[in-house]
Amino acid sequence: MRLGFIGAGMIAQVHAQALQSLHRGEIAAWASRSNDSARTMARQFGGDPMPLDAMLARPDIDAVVICSPTHLHLEHVRAAVQAGKRVFCEKPLARTVAECEDIRRLGEGRVYVGHVLRFFHAYQQAHEIVRRGDLGQVRRIVCHRLNRIPEGSQNWFLDFEKSGGVILDLIIHDFDWLLWTFGEPDDIRVEVDAQKDPQGIRHALVHWHWNDGKQATIEGSWLHDGFEQRFHIEGTEGHIESRPGDRPELVIARGESEKHVPLRGLPDPYALQMLHFLDWLAGRHRPRVSLEEATRAVAVALKAIEDLPNA
């Protein structure tokens, strides 16, 4: 299986490293707005830097991995599908719901969306525990996703019209997982910190409410001094929480018992995702995330954005 990459930034490097670790699939080409970045990636991971049209015209390239800025996803998916390629598209699927719907019409059965949180062991285990009903009636969920300001060509992450800010670009990870685990909320409200970021582009708290009494608070920030993700789920019969740090673990508590599940040394979730993608290309199973689900995550994120000040 020979792959071409569209985009040569940080997330492209993560996916290329995941592919390299699998010893499956060959990176054959890189296309990027930055020729220097494409050449750097080609030296590190193999393949040839080249214009996008040249990449898509190559009959020996079976699929493309789209890691370009969000506002370019539709353009690049369309070009790849029309060239007869199958596609891995990094989240979010697109910048608007209309663009997501266009991708669904273009790419049903041909596009795989990279919502990697479903491959993280702690989140997958929590999903299964909740869905089995082990916690009883879930009442409260808290998710934190904190990071530095991301680097991107031409500072596109900080261009709200291109990225959608921290809500669409960062905590859409948690939105997808929450939708998968608990379903769509009945109400969404956004809280901003007037001192940290009054516009909610770099830092925001998003509150979800369900009519059955569940509540979730999702914090996203690009103002942290490093990367951190964690969650806490409370139910009538127990609770689960992920604990990051030097000895990361998942804590599962029910009644008087408490189980600690180590999270260090587990398979890389990005490698698991890329393996799943390669197996999908080989016809072994369906994508972990459907285009409909990826569209729903974007719709919920945009609904939250509508509640921002000056939206």
C-alpha atoms as a PDB file:
ATOM      1  CA  MET A   1       0.000   0.000   0.000  1.00  0.00           C
ATOM      2  CA  ARG A   2       1.538   3.288  -1.135  1.00  0.00           C
ATOM      3  CA  LEU A   3       0.403   6.537   0.467  1.00  0.00           C
ATOM      4  CA  GLY A   4       0.755  10.228  -0.270  1.00  0.00           C
ATOM      5  CA  PHE A   5       0.549  12.943   2.371  1.00  0.00           C
ATOM      6  CA  ILE A   6      -1.190  16.287   1.839  1.00  0.00           C
ATOM      7  CA  GLY A   7       0.229  18.629   4.448  1.00  0.00           C
ATOM      8  CA  ALA A   8       3.554  18.342   6.236  1.00  0.00           C
ATOM      9  CA  GLY A   9       2.994  19.814   9.678  1.00  0.00           C
ATOM     10  CA  MET A  10       2.972  18.383  13.196  1.00  0.00           C
ATOM     11  CA  ILE A  11       0.031  15.992  12.828  1.00  0.00           C
ATOM     12  CA  ALA A  12       1.422  14.726   9.519  1.00  0.00           C
ATOM     13  CA  GLN A  13       4.619  13.844  11.346  1.00  0.00           C
ATOM     14  CA  VAL A  14       2.625  11.992  14.025  1.00  0.00           C
ATOM     15  CA  HIS A  15       0.800   9.911  11.408  1.00  0.00           C
ATOM     16  CA  ALA A  16       3.993   9.241   9.461  1.00  0.00           C
ATOM     17  CA  GLN A  17       5.720   8.022  12.626  1.00  0.00           C
ATOM     18  CA  ALA A  18       2.732   5.769  13.342  1.00  0.00           C
ATOM     19  CA  LEU A  19       2.943   4.285   9.844  1.00  0.00           C
ATOM     20  CA  GLN A  20       6.676   3.799  10.188  1.00  0.00           C
ATOM     21  CA  SER A  21       6.212   1.904  13.452  1.00  0.00           C
ATOM     22  CA  LEU A  22       3.792  -0.533  11.804  1.00  0.00           C
ATOM     23  CA  HIS A  23       6.177  -1.538   9.016  1.00  0.00           C
ATOM     24  CA  ARG A  24       3.142  -1.562   6.753  1.00  0.00           C
ATOM     25  CA  GLY A  25       2.394   0.865   3.987  1.00  0.00           C
ATOM     26  CA  GLU A  26       4.945   2.987   2.175  1.00  0.00           C
ATOM     27  CA  ILE A  27       4.984   6.763   2.095  1.00  0.00           C
ATOM     28  CA  ALA A  28       5.512   7.623  -1.556  1.00  0.00           C
ATOM     29  CA  ALA A  29       4.942  11.394  -1.767  1.00  0.00           C
ATOM     30  CA  TRP A  30       4.498  14.654   0.125  1.00  0.00           C
ATOM     31  CA  ALA A  31       2.560  17.701  -1.047  1.00  0.00           C
ATOM     32  CA  SER A  32       2.562  20.851   1.067  1.00  0.00           C
ATOM     33  CA  ARG A  33       2.173  24.597   0.726  1.00  0.00           C
ATOM     34  CA  SER A  34       5.666  24.692   2.225  1.00  0.00           C
ATOM     35  CA  ASN A  35       8.186  23.057  -0.077  1.00  0.00           C
ATOM     36  CA  ASP A  36      10.741  23.092   2.734  1.00  0.00           C
ATOM     37  CA  SER A  37       8.406  21.148   5.026  1.00  0.00           C
ATOM     38  CA  ALA A  38       7.661  18.596   2.317  1.00  0.00           C
ATOM     39  CA  ARG A  39      11.363  18.079   1.682  1.00  0.00           C
ATOM     40  CA  THR A  40      12.049  17.706   5.410  1.00  0.00           C
ATOM     41  CA  MET A  41       9.339  15.065   5.781  1.00  0.00           C
ATOM     42  CA  ALA A  42      10.522  13.226   2.689  1.00  0.00           C
ATOM     43  CA  ARG A  43      14.039  13.024   4.086  1.00  0.00           C
ATOM     44  CA  GLN A  44      12.751  11.702   7.397  1.00  0.00           C
ATOM     45  CA  PHE A  45      10.067   9.265   6.250  1.00  0.00           C
ATOM     46  CA  GLY A  46      10.762   8.572   2.598  1.00  0.00           C
ATOM     47  CA  GLY A  47       8.849   9.526  -0.501  1.00  0.00           C
ATOM     48  CA  ASP A  48       9.222  12.453  -2.862  1.00  0.00           C
ATOM     49  CA  PRO A  49       8.157  16.071  -2.364  1.00  0.00           C
ATOM     50  CA  MET A  50       5.960  17.184  -5.257  1.00  0.00           C
ATOM     51  CA  PRO A  51       2.999  19.366  -6.250  1.00  0.00           C
ATOM     52  CA  LEU A  52      -0.419  18.072  -5.250  1.00  0.00           C
ATOM     53  CA  ASP A  53      -1.582  17.564  -8.837  1.00  0.00           C
ATOM     54  CA  ALA A  54       1.464  15.452  -9.583  1.00  0.00           C
ATOM     55  CA  MET A  55       0.847  13.320  -6.492  1.00  0.00           C
ATOM     56  CA  LEU A  56      -2.793  12.695  -7.342  1.00  0.00           C
ATOM     57  CA  ALA A  57      -1.880  11.811 -10.932  1.00  0.00           C
ATOM     58  CA  ARG A  58       0.425   8.987  -9.829  1.00  0.00           C
ATOM     59  CA  PRO A  59      -1.276   5.620 -10.433  1.00  0.00           C
ATOM     60  CA  ASP A  60       0.995   3.870  -7.928  1.00  0.00           C
ATOM     61  CA  ILE A  61      -0.403   5.877  -4.985  1.00  0.00           C
ATOM     62  CA  ASP A  62      -3.374   4.037  -3.492  1.00  0.00           C
ATOM     63  CA  ALA A  63      -4.536   6.537  -0.869  1.00  0.00           C
ATOM     64  CA  VAL A  64      -3.771   9.952   0.593  1.00  0.00           C
ATOM     65  CA  VAL A  65      -3.508  11.174   4.176  1.00  0.00           C
ATOM     66  CA  ILE A  66      -4.929  14.692   4.473  1.00  0.00           C
ATOM     67  CA  CYS A  67      -3.260  16.720   7.211  1.00  0.00           C
ATOM     68  CA  SER A  68      -3.839  20.163   5.750  1.00  0.00           C
ATOM     69  CA  PRO A  69      -5.539  23.061   7.575  1.00  0.00           C
ATOM     70  CA  THR A  70      -9.213  22.471   8.319  1.00  0.00           C
ATOM     71  CA  HIS A  71     -10.556  25.031   5.848  1.00  0.00           C
ATOM     72  CA  LEU A  72      -8.797  23.141   3.003  1.00  0.00           C
ATOM     73  CA  HIS A  73     -10.183  19.685   3.820  1.00  0.00           C
ATOM     74  CA  LEU A  74     -13.108  19.782   1.388  1.00  0.00           C
ATOM     75  CA  GLU A  75     -10.899  21.004  -1.452  1.00  0.00           C
ATOM     76  CA  HIS A  76      -8.334  18.282  -0.838  1.00  0.00           C
ATOM     77  CA  VAL A  77     -10.856  15.479  -0.285  1.00  0.00           C
ATOM     78  CA  ARG A  78     -12.634  16.427  -3.502  1.00  0.00           C
ATOM     79  CA  ALA A  79      -9.401  16.458  -5.487  1.00  0.00           C
ATOM     80  CA  ALA A  80      -8.284  13.115  -4.062  1.00  0.00           C
ATOM     81  CA  VAL A  81     -11.613  11.352  -4.587  1.00  0.00           C
ATOM     82  CA  GLN A  82     -11.931  12.684  -8.119  1.00  0.00           C
ATOM     83  CA  ALA A  83      -8.438  11.324  -8.796  1.00  0.00           C
ATOM     84  CA  GLY A  84      -9.618   7.885  -7.685  1.00  0.00           C
ATOM     85  CA  LYS A  85      -7.805   7.858  -4.346  1.00  0.00           C
ATOM     86  CA  ARG A  86      -9.137   6.713  -1.007  1.00  0.00           C
ATOM     87  CA  VAL A  87      -8.637   9.143   1.846  1.00  0.00           C
ATOM     88  CA  PHE A  88      -7.664   9.465   5.489  1.00  0.00           C
ATOM     89  CA  CYS A  89      -8.815  12.939   6.598  1.00  0.00           C
ATOM     90  CA  GLU A  90      -7.633  14.353   9.908  1.00  0.00           C
ATOM     91  CA  LYS A  91     -10.325  15.776  12.203  1.00  0.00           C
ATOM     92  CA  PRO A  92     -12.354  17.922  12.083  1.00  0.00           C
ATOM     93  CA  LEU A  93     -13.889  16.667   8.872  1.00  0.00           C
ATOM     94  CA  ALA A  94     -14.398  20.234   7.592  1.00  0.00           C
ATOM     95  CA  ARG A  95     -14.913  23.832   8.693  1.00  0.00           C
ATOM     96  CA  THR A  96     -18.690  23.919   8.186  1.00  0.00           C
ATOM     97  CA  VAL A  97     -21.550  21.434   8.243  1.00  0.00           C
ATOM     98  CA  ALA A  98     -22.266  22.204   4.576  1.00  0.00           C
ATOM     99  CA  GLU A  99     -18.695  21.240   3.690  1.00  0.00           C
ATOM    100  CA  CYS A 100     -19.043  18.054   5.740  1.00  0.00           C
ATOM    101  CA  GLU A 101     -22.204  17.186   3.815  1.00  0.00           C
ATOM    102  CA  ASP A 102     -20.357  17.772   0.541  1.00  0.00           C
ATOM    103  CA  ILE A 103     -17.660  15.342   1.681  1.00  0.00           C
ATOM    104  CA  ARG A 104     -20.307  12.793   2.620  1.00  0.00           C
ATOM    105  CA  ARG A 105     -21.809  12.993  -0.861  1.00  0.00           C
ATOM    106  CA  LEU A 106     -18.376  12.786  -2.482  1.00  0.00           C
ATOM    107  CA  GLY A 107     -16.692  10.277  -0.289  1.00  0.00           C
ATOM    108  CA  GLU A 108     -19.113   7.763   1.223  1.00  0.00           C
ATOM    109  CA  GLY A 109     -17.083   4.573   1.373  1.00  0.00           C
ATOM    110  CA  ARG A 110     -13.937   6.377   0.285  1.00  0.00           C
ATOM    111  CA  VAL A 111     -13.098   8.645   3.251  1.00  0.00           C
ATOM    112  CA  TYR A 112     -11.864   7.624   6.712  1.00  0.00           C
ATOM    113  CA  VAL A 113     -11.901  10.336   9.428  1.00  0.00           C
ATOM    114  CA  GLY A 114      -9.133  10.571  12.037  1.00  0.00           C
ATOM    115  CA  HIS A 115     -10.901  10.916  15.402  1.00  0.00           C
ATOM    116  CA  VAL A 116      -8.098   9.254  17.330  1.00  0.00           C
ATOM    117  CA  LEU A 117      -9.545   9.545  20.850  1.00  0.00           C
ATOM    118  CA  ARG A 118     -11.596   6.399  20.247  1.00  0.00           C
ATOM    119  CA  PHE A 119      -8.271   4.515  20.049  1.00  0.00           C
ATOM    120  CA  PHE A 120      -6.975   5.742  23.423  1.00  0.00           C
ATOM    121  CA  HIS A 121      -7.208   2.916  25.946  1.00  0.00           C
ATOM    122  CA  ALA A 122      -8.626   4.992  28.820  1.00  0.00           C
ATOM    123  CA  TYR A 123     -11.362   6.538  26.676  1.00  0.00           C
ATOM    124  CA  GLN A 124     -12.234   3.237  25.024  1.00  0.00           C
ATOM    125  CA  GLN A 125     -12.474   1.490  28.415  1.00  0.00           C
ATOM    126  CA  ALA A 126     -14.573   4.296  29.867  1.00  0.00           C
ATOM    127  CA  HIS A 127     -16.919   4.111  26.884  1.00  0.00           C
ATOM    128  CA  GLU A 128     -17.421   0.371  27.376  1.00  0.00           C
ATOM    129  CA  ILE A 129     -17.935   0.709  31.151  1.00  0.00           C
ATOM    130  CA  VAL A 130     -20.533   3.446  30.722  1.00  0.00           C
ATOM    131  CA  ARG A 131     -22.348   1.630  27.925  1.00  0.00           C
ATOM    132  CA  ARG A 132     -22.542  -1.559  30.037  1.00  0.00           C
ATOM    133  CA  GLY A 133     -24.208   0.449  32.789  1.00  0.00           C
ATOM    134  CA  ASP A 134     -21.552  -0.312  35.393  1.00  0.00           C
ATOM    135  CA  LEU A 135     -21.731   3.234  36.789  1.00  0.00           C
ATOM    136  CA  GLY A 136     -25.499   3.277  37.016  1.00  0.00           C
ATOM    137  CA  GLN A 137     -27.054   6.543  35.892  1.00  0.00           C
ATOM    138  CA  VAL A 138     -24.279   8.915  34.847  1.00  0.00           C
ATOM    139  CA  ARG A 139     -24.753  12.390  36.300  1.00  0.00           C
ATOM    140  CA  ARG A 140     -21.570  14.359  35.654  1.00  0.00           C
ATOM    141  CA  ILE A 141     -18.708  14.282  33.166  1.00  0.00           C
ATOM    142  CA  VAL A 142     -15.690  16.583  33.159  1.00  0.00           C
ATOM    143  CA  CYS A 143     -13.119  16.593  30.346  1.00  0.00           C
ATOM    144  CA  HIS A 144      -9.944  18.645  30.123  1.00  0.00           C
ATOM    145  CA  ARG A 145      -7.807  19.068  27.001  1.00  0.00           C
ATOM    146  CA  LEU A 146      -4.995  21.544  27.560  1.00  0.00           C
ATOM    147  CA  ASN A 147      -2.098  22.407  25.286  1.00  0.00           C
ATOM    148  CA  ARG A 148       0.283  25.089  24.141  1.00  0.00           C
ATOM    149  CA  ILE A 149      -0.615  27.329  21.224  1.00  0.00           C
ATOM    150  CA  PRO A 150      -0.170  25.027  18.218  1.00  0.00           C
ATOM    151  CA  GLU A 151       2.264  25.854  15.474  1.00  0.00           C
ATOM    152  CA  GLY A 152       0.983  25.940  11.932  1.00  0.00           C
ATOM    153  CA  SER A 153       1.969  27.439   8.629  1.00  0.00           C
ATOM    154  CA  GLN A 154       0.922  31.082   8.398  1.00  0.00           C
ATOM    155  CA  ASN A 155      -0.483  30.812  11.969  1.00  0.00           C
ATOM    156  CA  TRP A 156      -3.651  29.262  10.596  1.00  0.00           C
ATOM    157  CA  PHE A 157      -4.690  27.805  13.975  1.00  0.00           C
ATOM    158  CA  LEU A 158      -5.114  31.310  15.374  1.00  0.00           C
ATOM    159  CA  ASP A 159      -7.144  32.418  12.358  1.00  0.00           C
ATOM    160  CA  PHE A 160     -10.628  31.678  13.657  1.00  0.00           C
ATOM    161  CA  GLU A 161     -12.225  31.594  10.218  1.00  0.00           C
ATOM    162  CA  LYS A 162      -9.816  28.828   9.193  1.00  0.00           C
ATOM    163  CA  SER A 163      -9.567  26.713  12.340  1.00  0.00           C
ATOM    164  CA  GLY A 164     -12.657  27.440  14.428  1.00  0.00           C
ATOM    165  CA  GLY A 165     -10.389  28.012  17.398  1.00  0.00           C
ATOM    166  CA  VAL A 166      -9.986  25.767  20.392  1.00  0.00           C
ATOM    167  CA  ILE A 167     -13.589  24.516  20.248  1.00  0.00           C
ATOM    168  CA  LEU A 168     -13.582  23.153  16.707  1.00  0.00           C
ATOM    169  CA  ASP A 169      -9.935  22.175  16.472  1.00  0.00           C
ATOM    170  CA  LEU A 170      -9.057  20.867  19.940  1.00  0.00           C
ATOM    171  CA  ILE A 171     -12.017  19.776  22.046  1.00  0.00           C
ATOM    172  CA  ILE A 172     -13.824  18.266  19.081  1.00  0.00           C
ATOM    173  CA  HIS A 173     -11.828  15.216  20.239  1.00  0.00           C
ATOM    174  CA  ASP A 174     -13.909  15.166  23.423  1.00  0.00           C
ATOM    175  CA  PHE A 175     -17.095  16.069  21.572  1.00  0.00           C
ATOM    176  CA  ASP A 176     -16.761  13.007  19.334  1.00  0.00           C
ATOM    177  CA  TRP A 177     -16.107  10.766  22.334  1.00  0.00           C
ATOM    178  CA  LEU A 178     -19.009  12.239  24.318  1.00  0.00           C
ATOM    179  CA  LEU A 179     -21.400  11.813  21.393  1.00  0.00           C
ATOM    180  CA  TRP A 180     -20.220   8.210  20.931  1.00  0.00           C
ATOM    181  CA  THR A 181     -20.637   7.448  24.622  1.00  0.00           C
ATOM    182  CA  PHE A 182     -23.607   9.538  25.794  1.00  0.00           C
ATOM    183  CA  GLY A 183     -25.394  10.821  22.710  1.00  0.00           C
ATOM    184  CA  GLU A 184     -26.222  14.354  21.646  1.00  0.00           C
ATOM    185  CA  PRO A 185     -26.900  16.932  24.378  1.00  0.00           C
ATOM    186  CA  ASP A 186     -30.148  18.840  24.613  1.00  0.00           C
ATOM    187  CA  ASP A 187     -28.482  22.147  25.440  1.00  0.00           C
ATOM    188  CA  ILE A 188     -25.013  23.656  24.987  1.00  0.00           C
ATOM    189  CA  ARG A 189     -23.584  26.727  26.666  1.00  0.00           C
ATOM    190  CA  VAL A 190     -20.111  28.262  26.492  1.00  0.00           C
ATOM    191  CA  GLU A 191     -18.257  30.050  29.270  1.00  0.00           C
ATOM    192  CA  VAL A 192     -15.214  32.217  28.576  1.00  0.00           C
ATOM    193  CA  ASP A 193     -12.649  33.673  30.948  1.00  0.00           C
ATOM    194  CA  ALA A 194     -12.425  37.429  30.544  1.00  0.00           C
ATOM    195  CA  GLN A 195      -8.837  37.414  31.777  1.00  0.00           C
ATOM    196  CA  LYS A 196      -7.522  34.443  29.796  1.00  0.00           C
ATOM    197  CA  ASP A 197      -9.373  34.841  26.517  1.00  0.00           C
ATOM    198  CA  PRO A 198     -12.603  36.866  26.341  1.00  0.00           C
ATOM    199  CA  GLN A 199     -13.321  35.720  22.773  1.00  0.00           C
ATOM    200  CA  GLY A 200     -13.048  31.994  23.491  1.00  0.00           C
ATOM    201  CA  ILE A 201     -10.651  31.323  20.622  1.00  0.00           C
ATOM    202  CA  ARG A 202      -7.747  30.031  22.746  1.00  0.00           C
ATOM    203  CA  HIS A 203      -9.570  28.964  25.905  1.00  0.00           C
ATOM    204  CA  ALA A 204     -13.175  27.972  26.574  1.00  0.00           C
ATOM    205  CA  LEU A 205     -15.419  25.934  28.848  1.00  0.00           C
ATOM    206  CA  VAL A 206     -18.296  24.209  27.067  1.00  0.00           C
ATOM    207  CA  HIS A 207     -21.220  22.946  29.148  1.00  0.00           C
ATOM    208  CA  TRP A 208     -23.478  20.166  27.840  1.00  0.00           C
ATOM    209  CA  HIS A 209     -26.839  19.330  29.424  1.00  0.00           C
ATOM    210  CA  TRP A 210     -29.127  16.376  28.757  1.00  0.00           C
ATOM    211  CA  ASN A 211     -32.801  16.255  29.670  1.00  0.00           C
ATOM    212  CA  ASP A 212     -32.216  13.168  31.835  1.00  0.00           C
ATOM    213  CA  GLY A 213     -30.055  15.222  34.202  1.00  0.00           C
ATOM    214  CA  LYS A 214     -26.562  14.494  32.909  1.00  0.00           C
ATOM    215  CA  GLN A 215     -24.148  17.381  32.675  1.00  0.00           C
ATOM    216  CA  ALA A 216     -20.722  17.637  31.075  1.00  0.00           C
ATOM    217  CA  THR A 217     -18.090  20.355  31.227  1.00  0.00           C
ATOM    218  CA  ILE A 218     -15.354  20.330  28.601  1.00  0.00           C
ATOM    219  CA  GLU A 219     -12.364  22.612  29.052  1.00  0.00           C
ATOM    220  CA  GLY A 220     -10.134  23.352  26.082  1.00  0.00           C
ATOM    221  CA  SER A 221      -7.082  25.558  26.171  1.00  0.00           C
ATOM    222  CA  TRP A 222      -4.149  26.597  24.015  1.00  0.00           C
ATOM    223  CA  LEU A 223      -2.747  28.574  26.950  1.00  0.00           C
ATOM    224  CA  HIS A 224      -1.266  25.678  28.921  1.00  0.00           C
ATOM    225  CA  ASP A 225       2.447  25.044  29.448  1.00  0.00           C
ATOM    226  CA  GLY A 226       2.269  21.513  28.031  1.00  0.00           C
ATOM    227  CA  PHE A 227      -0.178  18.875  26.827  1.00  0.00           C
ATOM    228  CA  GLU A 228      -2.648  17.303  29.237  1.00  0.00           C
ATOM    229  CA  GLN A 229      -5.857  15.362  28.720  1.00  0.00           C
ATOM    230  CA  ARG A 230      -8.038  13.801  31.415  1.00  0.00           C
ATOM    231  CA  PHE A 231     -11.635  13.008  32.295  1.00  0.00           C
ATOM    232  CA  HIS A 232     -13.851  12.232  35.282  1.00  0.00           C
ATOM    233  CA  ILE A 233     -17.223  10.483  35.086  1.00  0.00           C
ATOM    234  CA  GLU A 234     -19.602  10.194  38.063  1.00  0.00           C
ATOM    235  CA  GLY A 235     -22.580   7.859  38.206  1.00  0.00           C
ATOM    236  CA  THR A 236     -25.020   6.652  40.831  1.00  0.00           C
ATOM    237  CA  GLU A 237     -23.024   3.409  41.238  1.00  0.00           C
ATOM    238  CA  GLY A 238     -19.447   4.648  40.954  1.00  0.00           C
ATOM    239  CA  HIS A 239     -16.987   6.800  39.074  1.00  0.00           C
ATOM    240  CA  ILE A 240     -14.096   6.617  36.595  1.00  0.00           C
ATOM    241  CA  GLU A 241     -11.239   9.009  36.140  1.00  0.00           C
ATOM    242  CA  SER A 242      -8.072   9.139  34.107  1.00  0.00           C
ATOM    243  CA  ARG A 243      -4.993  10.352  35.922  1.00  0.00           C
ATOM    244  CA  PRO A 244      -2.111  11.680  33.820  1.00  0.00           C
ATOM    245  CA  GLY A 245       1.413  12.219  35.064  1.00  0.00           C
ATOM    246  CA  ASP A 246       4.544  10.120  35.489  1.00  0.00           C
ATOM    247  CA  ARG A 247       2.451   7.016  36.209  1.00  0.00           C
ATOM    248  CA  PRO A 248      -0.739   7.501  34.185  1.00  0.00           C
ATOM    249  CA  GLU A 249      -3.637   5.300  35.175  1.00  0.00           C
ATOM    250  CA  LEU A 250      -7.365   4.761  34.861  1.00  0.00           C
ATOM    251  CA  VAL A 251      -9.186   4.579  38.208  1.00  0.00           C
ATOM    252  CA  ILE A 252     -12.479   2.671  38.312  1.00  0.00           C
ATOM    253  CA  ALA A 253     -14.423   2.886  41.575  1.00  0.00           C
ATOM    254  CA  ARG A 254     -17.621   1.023  42.448  1.00  0.00           C
ATOM    255  CA  GLY A 255     -18.895   0.823  46.006  1.00  0.00           C
ATOM    256  CA  GLU A 256     -15.962   0.043  48.296  1.00  0.00           C
ATOM    257  CA  SER A 257     -13.734  -1.318  45.538  1.00  0.00           C
ATOM    258  CA  GLU A 258     -11.254   0.722  43.496  1.00  0.00           C
ATOM    259  CA  LYS A 259      -9.314  -0.626  40.544  1.00  0.00           C
ATOM    260  CA  HIS A 260      -6.193   1.060  39.158  1.00  0.00           C
ATOM    261  CA  VAL A 261      -5.365   0.269  35.522  1.00  0.00           C
ATOM    262  CA  PRO A 262      -1.864   1.376  34.405  1.00  0.00           C
ATOM    263  CA  LEU A 263      -1.805   3.263  31.114  1.00  0.00           C
ATOM    264  CA  ARG A 264       1.943   3.345  30.497  1.00  0.00           C
ATOM    265  CA  GLY A 265       3.426   0.983  27.912  1.00  0.00           C
ATOM    266  CA  LEU A 266       0.213   0.455  25.940  1.00  0.00           C
ATOM    267  CA  PRO A 267       0.134   0.523  22.124  1.00  0.00           C
ATOM    268  CA  ASP A 268       0.316   3.971  20.563  1.00  0.00           C
ATOM    269  CA  PRO A 269      -3.264   5.046  19.732  1.00  0.00           C
ATOM    270  CA  TYR A 270      -2.079   6.787  16.558  1.00  0.00           C
ATOM    271  CA  ALA A 271      -0.496   3.536  15.404  1.00  0.00           C
ATOM    272  CA  LEU A 272      -3.707   1.655  16.263  1.00  0.00           C
ATOM    273  CA  GLN A 273      -5.696   4.193  14.258  1.00  0.00           C
ATOM    274  CA  MET A 274      -3.375   3.952  11.272  1.00  0.00           C
ATOM    275  CA  LEU A 275      -3.475   0.142  11.422  1.00  0.00           C
ATOM    276  CA  HIS A 276      -7.271   0.320  11.423  1.00  0.00           C
ATOM    277  CA  PHE A 277      -7.116   2.652   8.404  1.00  0.00           C
ATOM    278  CA  LEU A 278      -4.817   0.285   6.496  1.00  0.00           C
ATOM    279  CA  ASP A 279      -7.097  -2.646   7.306  1.00  0.00           C
ATOM    280  CA  TRP A 280     -10.067  -0.585   6.077  1.00  0.00           C
ATOM    281  CA  LEU A 281      -8.205   0.044   2.826  1.00  0.00           C
ATOM    282  CA  ALA A 282      -7.773  -3.724   2.559  1.00  0.00           C
ATOM    283  CA  GLY A 283     -11.532  -4.207   2.983  1.00  0.00           C
ATOM    284  CA  ARG A 284     -11.385  -5.844   6.423  1.00  0.00           C
ATOM    285  CA  HIS A 285     -13.856  -3.606   8.253  1.00  0.00           C
ATOM    286  CA  ARG A 286     -15.715  -0.307   8.357  1.00  0.00           C
ATOM    287  CA  PRO A 287     -14.190   2.948   9.642  1.00  0.00           C
ATOM    288  CA  ARG A 288     -14.277   3.383  13.422  1.00  0.00           C
ATOM    289  CA  VAL A 289     -15.988   6.763  12.883  1.00  0.00           C
ATOM    290  CA  SER A 290     -18.591   7.210  10.156  1.00  0.00           C
ATOM    291  CA  LEU A 291     -18.864  10.360   8.058  1.00  0.00           C
ATOM    292  CA  GLU A 292     -22.245  10.962   9.678  1.00  0.00           C
ATOM    293  CA  GLU A 293     -20.664  10.854  13.150  1.00  0.00           C
ATOM    294  CA  ALA A 294     -17.813  13.134  12.079  1.00  0.00           C
ATOM    295  CA  THR A 295     -20.363  15.589  10.678  1.00  0.00           C
ATOM    296  CA  ARG A 296     -22.332  15.479  13.925  1.00  0.00           C
ATOM    297  CA  ALA A 297     -19.196  16.339  15.922  1.00  0.00           C
ATOM    298  CA  VAL A 298     -18.616  19.383  13.718  1.00  0.00           C
ATOM    299  CA  ALA A 299     -22.269  20.424  14.061  1.00  0.00           C
ATOM    300  CA  VAL A 300     -22.097  20.279  17.862  1.00  0.00           C
ATOM    301  CA  ALA A 301     -18.828  22.235  17.903  1.00  0.00           C
ATOM    302  CA  LEU A 302     -20.320  24.923  15.669  1.00  0.00           C
ATOM    303  CA  LYS A 303     -23.406  25.084  17.879  1.00  0.00           C
ATOM    304  CA  ALA A 304     -21.097  25.778  20.818  1.00  0.00           C
ATOM    305  CA  ILE A 305     -19.257  28.429  18.816  1.00  0.00           C
ATOM    306  CA  GLU A 306     -22.573  30.190  18.213  1.00  0.00           C
ATOM    307  CA  ASP A 307     -22.759  30.787  21.968  1.00  0.00           C
ATOM    308  CA  LEU A 308     -19.400  32.595  22.087  1.00  0.00           C
ATOM    309  CA  PRO A 309     -19.424  36.346  22.791  1.00  0.00           C
ATOM    310  CA  ASN A 310     -19.606  38.300  19.533  1.00  0.00           C
ATOM    311  CA  ALA A 311     -20.293  35.134  17.556  1.00  0.00           C
END
